[in-house]
Protein backbone atom coordinates (compact mmCIF):
# COMPACT_ATOMS: atom_id res chain seq x y z
CA MET A 1 -34.60 -29.61 -18.58
CA ASN A 2 -38.20 -28.78 -18.91
CA THR A 3 -38.87 -29.06 -22.50
CA LYS A 4 -41.26 -31.21 -24.54
CA HIS A 5 -39.56 -33.14 -27.22
CA GLU A 6 -42.43 -32.63 -29.63
CA GLU A 7 -41.89 -28.87 -29.50
CA LEU A 8 -38.27 -28.91 -30.29
CA THR A 9 -36.48 -28.80 -33.70
CA ALA A 10 -34.07 -31.51 -34.84
CA GLY A 11 -31.12 -29.30 -33.88
CA GLU A 12 -32.55 -28.57 -30.49
CA ARG A 13 -33.05 -32.38 -29.98
CA ARG A 14 -29.50 -32.97 -31.13
CA TYR A 15 -28.23 -30.41 -28.58
CA LEU A 16 -30.19 -32.07 -25.71
CA GLU A 17 -28.75 -35.57 -26.71
CA HIS A 18 -25.18 -34.16 -26.68
CA VAL A 19 -25.88 -32.58 -23.31
CA GLU A 20 -27.24 -35.92 -21.89
CA ARG A 21 -24.18 -37.75 -23.14
CA ALA A 22 -21.90 -35.24 -21.52
CA ARG A 23 -23.62 -35.39 -18.26
CA SER A 24 -23.61 -39.25 -18.27
CA ARG A 25 -19.78 -39.08 -18.67
CA GLY A 26 -19.42 -36.45 -16.08
CA LEU A 27 -18.04 -33.87 -18.39
CA VAL A 28 -18.79 -30.34 -19.18
CA LEU A 29 -19.96 -29.64 -22.80
CA SER A 30 -16.44 -28.28 -23.94
CA ASP A 31 -14.56 -31.29 -22.62
CA TYR A 32 -17.30 -33.68 -24.09
CA CYS A 33 -16.94 -32.02 -27.56
CA ARG A 34 -13.20 -32.28 -27.30
CA SER A 35 -13.43 -35.98 -26.46
CA ILE A 36 -15.54 -36.78 -29.50
CA GLY A 37 -13.61 -34.44 -31.92
CA MET A 38 -16.44 -31.84 -32.22
CA SER A 39 -16.29 -28.13 -31.99
CA PRO A 40 -18.40 -26.93 -29.07
CA PHE A 41 -19.37 -23.59 -30.78
CA ALA A 42 -22.30 -25.12 -32.66
CA LEU A 43 -23.78 -26.44 -29.42
CA TYR A 44 -23.12 -23.15 -27.55
CA SER A 45 -24.94 -21.33 -30.32
CA MET A 46 -27.89 -23.70 -29.99
CA ARG A 47 -27.95 -23.37 -26.21
CA ARG A 48 -28.04 -19.61 -26.67
CA ARG A 49 -31.02 -19.79 -29.02
CA MET A 50 -32.89 -22.16 -26.75
CA ARG A 51 -32.35 -19.82 -23.82
CA ARG A 52 -33.59 -16.88 -25.79
CA LYS A 53 -36.68 -18.77 -26.76
CA GLY A 54 -37.28 -19.78 -23.12
CA LYS A 55 -36.63 -23.46 -23.89
CA LEU A 56 -33.75 -23.62 -21.38
CA SER A 57 -33.09 -22.08 -18.03
CA ALA A 58 -30.69 -19.21 -17.92
CA ALA A 59 -28.44 -20.82 -15.27
CA PRO A 60 -26.07 -23.52 -16.53
CA THR A 61 -25.61 -26.68 -14.27
CA ILE A 62 -22.27 -28.04 -13.52
CA PRO A 63 -22.10 -31.87 -13.16
CA ALA A 64 -20.70 -33.01 -9.80
CA ALA A 65 -17.92 -34.90 -11.58
CA ARG A 66 -16.66 -31.65 -13.02
CA VAL A 67 -16.40 -30.07 -9.56
CA GLN A 68 -14.59 -33.04 -8.04
CA ARG A 69 -12.43 -33.84 -11.20
CA GLU A 70 -8.62 -34.01 -10.89
CA PRO A 71 -6.81 -31.47 -12.90
CA ASP A 72 -5.93 -32.60 -16.43
CA ALA A 73 -2.18 -33.39 -16.58
CA ARG A 74 -1.96 -31.98 -20.05
CA GLN A 75 -3.16 -28.54 -18.99
CA PRO A 76 -0.76 -26.30 -16.93
CA SER A 77 -2.21 -24.77 -13.84
CA ALA A 78 -3.67 -21.27 -14.08
CA LEU A 79 -1.85 -20.38 -10.82
CA VAL A 80 1.85 -19.73 -10.51
CA ALA A 81 3.88 -19.70 -7.47
CA VAL A 82 5.38 -16.43 -6.72
CA ARG A 83 7.90 -15.38 -4.04
CA MET A 84 8.50 -11.72 -3.12
CA ALA A 85 12.00 -10.60 -2.17
CA GLN A 86 13.64 -7.26 -1.71
CA ALA A 87 16.09 -6.27 -4.43
CA PRO A 88 19.64 -6.18 -3.29
CA ILE A 89 21.05 -2.78 -2.65
CA PRO A 90 24.58 -2.32 -4.22
CA ALA A 91 27.30 -1.39 -1.82
CA GLU A 92 28.55 1.47 -3.97
CA PRO A 93 26.64 3.60 -6.49
CA THR A 94 26.74 1.96 -9.87
CA GLY A 95 26.78 5.25 -11.87
CA MET A 96 24.82 8.34 -12.26
CA VAL A 97 21.04 8.13 -11.82
CA CYS A 98 20.10 11.83 -11.89
CA ARG A 99 21.52 14.84 -13.86
CA LEU A 100 20.33 18.36 -13.41
CA ARG A 101 21.18 20.68 -16.20
CA HIS A 102 20.43 24.30 -16.24
CA ALA A 103 20.23 26.56 -19.31
CA SER A 104 22.98 28.80 -17.71
CA GLY A 105 25.37 26.00 -17.85
CA TRP A 106 25.51 24.44 -14.46
CA VAL A 107 25.15 20.63 -14.11
CA ILE A 108 24.62 18.62 -10.99
CA GLU A 109 25.07 14.83 -11.28
CA CYS A 110 23.96 12.44 -8.58
CA GLY A 111 24.95 8.80 -7.93
CA GLU A 112 21.55 8.22 -6.16
CA TRP A 113 18.17 9.91 -6.28
CA PRO A 114 18.26 13.11 -4.33
CA PRO A 115 15.58 14.02 -1.80
CA ALA A 116 12.50 15.62 -3.49
CA GLY A 117 12.66 18.56 -1.21
CA TRP A 118 16.26 19.36 -2.14
CA VAL A 119 15.42 19.20 -5.82
CA ALA A 120 12.52 21.51 -5.26
CA GLU A 121 14.72 24.08 -3.40
CA CYS A 122 17.21 23.95 -6.33
CA LEU A 123 14.43 24.63 -8.87
CA LYS A 124 13.07 27.40 -6.65
CA GLU A 125 16.42 29.13 -6.41
CA VAL A 126 16.84 28.73 -10.21
CA GLY A 127 13.47 30.41 -10.70
CA HIS A 128 14.51 33.46 -8.55
CA ALA A 129 17.80 33.80 -10.35
CA ALA A 130 16.16 33.74 -13.72
CA GLY A 131 13.54 36.32 -12.76
């Protein structure tokens, strides 16, 4: 960090001290704060102010220990194994899935989805009969 200690406020100096301790332990700031029982939000706020003032670079650095660190046993993985399989097709229709009911009174019930072209033809014929 390219900052002169004389130009920093007390809060900014405390922020830098915490950052140095976190780096020396090989932790990111949030893990460091958790390890000492501190909320990281005050430090994040100070970091944001220091970046706005130009006292810190905009790009955060990640310690090498964080990149190579083993996953924490307490935290579940963000990834979940998924296996895709086709849904079983029933041997016989399990019931009605489609019912066409016309205002004139006719009803057609289907045990499976009818072809779209057939439904279109039925509706076209209904349109001519109604007209």
